[in-house]
Structure formats: structure tokens, C-alpha cells
């Protein structure tokens, strides 16, 4: 089950799964941000991950929306 969190004005859909690392995707065509995280990852860890990748996220969203 996915939950939506807002990080610095960015809407992020988070799904917890049986995985080892946090994964991030930018979905086409709208440029939505989707995170898959391990069950043990806290919201604080997910927020820190998104903030650390914010430059890449913004660049990728603009690239997706240009298509």
C-alpha cells in the first residue's frame, strides 16, 4: 500500500516492500516521484534520501515533462 508524503513541496508516493535499499523512480508522463523503501526504513530516512537527491529529481522531472 502506497502512502503520499510531501517533502519541501514535492509530492512523493512511498511503498514499503521486502527490499534492501531505497529505490526512486520518476514516472512518465506526469513526472510523479515514486519511492520503494524497505519495511525498516523510517520516514525520516526517506525524507533525507529525497532531499539528498533533490537536484537529480528536479532535472529528471523537467526532462520527463519535455517529452
N, C-alpha and C. Protein backbone atom coordinates (compact mmCIF):
# COMPACT_ATOMS: atom_id res chain seq x y z
N UNK A 1 0.84 -1.18 0.00
CA UNK A 1 0.00 0.00 0.00
C UNK A 1 0.89 1.25 0.00
N UNK A 2 0.62 2.13 -0.93
CA UNK A 2 1.42 3.35 -1.06
C UNK A 2 0.83 4.46 -0.22
N UNK A 3 1.70 5.29 0.33
CA UNK A 3 1.23 6.48 1.03
C UNK A 3 1.92 7.68 0.40
N UNK A 4 1.26 8.81 0.47
CA UNK A 4 1.80 10.02 -0.12
C UNK A 4 2.33 10.92 0.97
N UNK A 5 3.56 11.39 0.80
CA UNK A 5 4.12 12.36 1.72
C UNK A 5 4.60 13.56 0.90
N UNK A 6 4.64 14.71 1.54
CA UNK A 6 5.08 15.93 0.89
C UNK A 6 6.41 16.36 1.52
N UNK A 7 7.43 16.49 0.67
CA UNK A 7 8.76 16.85 1.13
C UNK A 7 9.17 18.13 0.42
N UNK A 8 9.25 19.21 1.16
CA UNK A 8 9.64 20.51 0.60
C UNK A 8 8.81 20.86 -0.64
N UNK A 9 7.50 20.63 -0.57
CA UNK A 9 6.60 20.97 -1.67
C UNK A 9 6.53 19.93 -2.77
N UNK A 10 7.23 18.83 -2.63
CA UNK A 10 7.26 17.77 -3.63
C UNK A 10 6.40 16.60 -3.15
N UNK A 11 5.46 16.17 -4.00
CA UNK A 11 4.59 15.04 -3.65
C UNK A 11 5.32 13.75 -4.00
N UNK A 12 5.45 12.86 -3.01
CA UNK A 12 6.19 11.62 -3.18
C UNK A 12 5.31 10.46 -2.74
N UNK A 13 5.17 9.46 -3.60
CA UNK A 13 4.42 8.25 -3.27
C UNK A 13 5.41 7.21 -2.74
N UNK A 14 5.16 6.70 -1.53
CA UNK A 14 6.08 5.77 -0.87
C UNK A 14 5.40 4.43 -0.67
N UNK A 15 6.08 3.37 -1.13
CA UNK A 15 5.61 2.00 -0.93
C UNK A 15 6.69 1.24 -0.18
N UNK A 16 6.30 0.56 0.88
CA UNK A 16 7.24 -0.27 1.65
C UNK A 16 7.18 -1.70 1.12
N UNK A 17 8.37 -2.29 0.92
CA UNK A 17 8.46 -3.63 0.34
C UNK A 17 9.58 -4.42 1.02
N UNK A 18 9.66 -5.70 0.66
CA UNK A 18 10.76 -6.55 1.15
C UNK A 18 11.96 -6.36 0.24
N UNK A 19 12.64 -5.24 0.40
CA UNK A 19 13.84 -4.93 -0.37
C UNK A 19 14.91 -4.44 0.60
N UNK A 20 16.13 -4.27 0.10
CA UNK A 20 17.23 -3.87 0.98
C UNK A 20 17.55 -2.38 0.93
N UNK A 21 17.27 -1.74 -0.21
CA UNK A 21 17.66 -0.34 -0.39
C UNK A 21 16.46 0.50 -0.83
N UNK A 22 16.59 1.80 -0.66
CA UNK A 22 15.56 2.72 -1.13
C UNK A 22 15.76 2.93 -2.63
N UNK A 23 14.67 2.78 -3.40
CA UNK A 23 14.70 2.98 -4.84
C UNK A 23 13.78 4.14 -5.19
N UNK A 24 14.16 4.90 -6.21
CA UNK A 24 13.35 6.04 -6.62
C UNK A 24 13.17 6.01 -8.13
N UNK A 25 11.94 6.35 -8.58
CA UNK A 25 11.63 6.44 -9.99
C UNK A 25 10.85 7.71 -10.26
N UNK A 26 11.01 8.22 -11.46
CA UNK A 26 10.20 9.34 -11.93
C UNK A 26 9.29 8.74 -13.00
N UNK A 27 7.99 8.77 -12.77
CA UNK A 27 7.03 8.14 -13.68
C UNK A 27 6.67 9.08 -14.83
N UNK A 28 6.54 8.50 -16.00
CA UNK A 28 6.05 9.25 -17.15
C UNK A 28 4.54 9.10 -17.20
N UNK A 29 3.77 9.98 -17.77
CA UNK A 29 4.14 11.21 -18.44
C UNK A 29 4.10 12.43 -17.51
N UNK A 30 3.63 12.25 -16.27
CA UNK A 30 3.41 13.42 -15.40
C UNK A 30 4.60 13.78 -14.53
N UNK A 31 5.62 12.93 -14.47
CA UNK A 31 6.80 13.23 -13.67
C UNK A 31 6.62 13.01 -12.19
N UNK A 32 5.70 12.12 -11.81
CA UNK A 32 5.49 11.86 -10.38
C UNK A 32 6.66 11.06 -9.81
N UNK A 33 6.95 11.31 -8.53
CA UNK A 33 8.08 10.67 -7.85
C UNK A 33 7.54 9.48 -7.04
N UNK A 34 8.14 8.30 -7.28
CA UNK A 34 7.71 7.07 -6.60
C UNK A 34 8.92 6.48 -5.90
N UNK A 35 8.75 6.19 -4.62
CA UNK A 35 9.82 5.61 -3.79
C UNK A 35 9.39 4.22 -3.33
N UNK A 36 10.30 3.26 -3.46
CA UNK A 36 10.13 1.95 -2.84
C UNK A 36 11.17 1.88 -1.74
N UNK A 37 10.74 1.52 -0.55
CA UNK A 37 11.65 1.50 0.60
C UNK A 37 11.47 0.20 1.38
N UNK A 38 12.53 -0.24 2.07
CA UNK A 38 12.39 -1.42 2.91
C UNK A 38 11.46 -1.14 4.09
N UNK A 39 10.86 -2.19 4.62
CA UNK A 39 9.95 -2.04 5.75
C UNK A 39 10.60 -1.33 6.94
N UNK A 40 11.91 -1.53 7.10
CA UNK A 40 12.58 -0.95 8.27
C UNK A 40 12.97 0.52 8.09
N UNK A 41 12.80 1.06 6.87
CA UNK A 41 13.17 2.47 6.64
C UNK A 41 12.14 3.38 7.31
N UNK A 42 12.64 4.37 8.02
CA UNK A 42 11.76 5.33 8.69
C UNK A 42 11.43 6.48 7.74
N UNK A 43 10.38 7.21 8.07
CA UNK A 43 10.02 8.39 7.27
C UNK A 43 11.17 9.39 7.26
N UNK A 44 11.85 9.52 8.36
CA UNK A 44 12.99 10.45 8.46
C UNK A 44 14.09 10.06 7.46
N UNK A 45 14.37 8.76 7.33
CA UNK A 45 15.37 8.29 6.36
C UNK A 45 14.93 8.54 4.93
N UNK A 46 13.66 8.32 4.65
CA UNK A 46 13.13 8.55 3.31
C UNK A 46 13.20 10.03 2.95
N UNK A 47 12.83 10.88 3.89
CA UNK A 47 12.88 12.33 3.66
C UNK A 47 14.32 12.77 3.40
N UNK A 48 15.27 12.27 4.18
CA UNK A 48 16.68 12.62 3.98
C UNK A 48 17.17 12.14 2.62
N UNK A 49 16.73 10.95 2.19
CA UNK A 49 17.11 10.43 0.88
C UNK A 49 16.59 11.34 -0.23
N UNK A 50 15.33 11.72 -0.17
CA UNK A 50 14.74 12.58 -1.20
C UNK A 50 15.44 13.94 -1.23
N UNK A 51 15.70 14.51 -0.07
CA UNK A 51 16.38 15.81 -0.03
C UNK A 51 17.79 15.72 -0.62
N UNK A 52 18.48 14.61 -0.39
CA UNK A 52 19.83 14.47 -0.92
C UNK A 52 19.84 14.30 -2.44
N UNK A 53 18.74 13.86 -3.01
CA UNK A 53 18.63 13.64 -4.45
C UNK A 53 17.80 14.72 -5.15
N UNK A 54 17.51 15.82 -4.47
CA UNK A 54 16.58 16.83 -5.00
C UNK A 54 17.03 17.42 -6.34
N UNK A 55 18.32 17.66 -6.52
CA UNK A 55 18.81 18.19 -7.79
C UNK A 55 18.52 17.25 -8.94
N UNK A 56 18.80 15.95 -8.74
CA UNK A 56 18.53 14.95 -9.75
C UNK A 56 17.03 14.84 -10.03
N UNK A 57 16.22 14.90 -8.98
CA UNK A 57 14.76 14.80 -9.13
C UNK A 57 14.24 15.94 -10.00
N UNK A 58 14.62 17.17 -9.68
CA UNK A 58 14.14 18.32 -10.44
C UNK A 58 14.56 18.23 -11.90
N UNK A 59 15.81 17.83 -12.16
CA UNK A 59 16.29 17.69 -13.53
C UNK A 59 15.51 16.61 -14.28
N UNK A 60 15.26 15.48 -13.61
CA UNK A 60 14.56 14.37 -14.25
C UNK A 60 13.11 14.70 -14.52
N UNK A 61 12.46 15.39 -13.60
CA UNK A 61 11.06 15.77 -13.80
C UNK A 61 10.93 16.71 -15.00
N UNK A 62 11.82 17.68 -15.11
CA UNK A 62 11.74 18.60 -16.25
C UNK A 62 12.03 17.87 -17.55
N UNK A 63 12.94 16.90 -17.55
CA UNK A 63 13.23 16.12 -18.74
C UNK A 63 12.03 15.27 -19.17
N UNK A 64 11.35 14.66 -18.20
CA UNK A 64 10.17 13.84 -18.49
C UNK A 64 9.04 14.68 -19.04
N UNK A 65 8.82 15.85 -18.47
CA UNK A 65 7.73 16.71 -18.92
C UNK A 65 7.97 17.32 -20.29
N UNK A 66 9.23 17.42 -20.71
CA UNK A 66 9.55 17.95 -22.04
C UNK A 66 9.15 16.99 -23.15
N UNK A 67 9.11 15.70 -22.86
CA UNK A 67 8.82 14.69 -23.88
C UNK A 67 7.42 14.77 -24.38
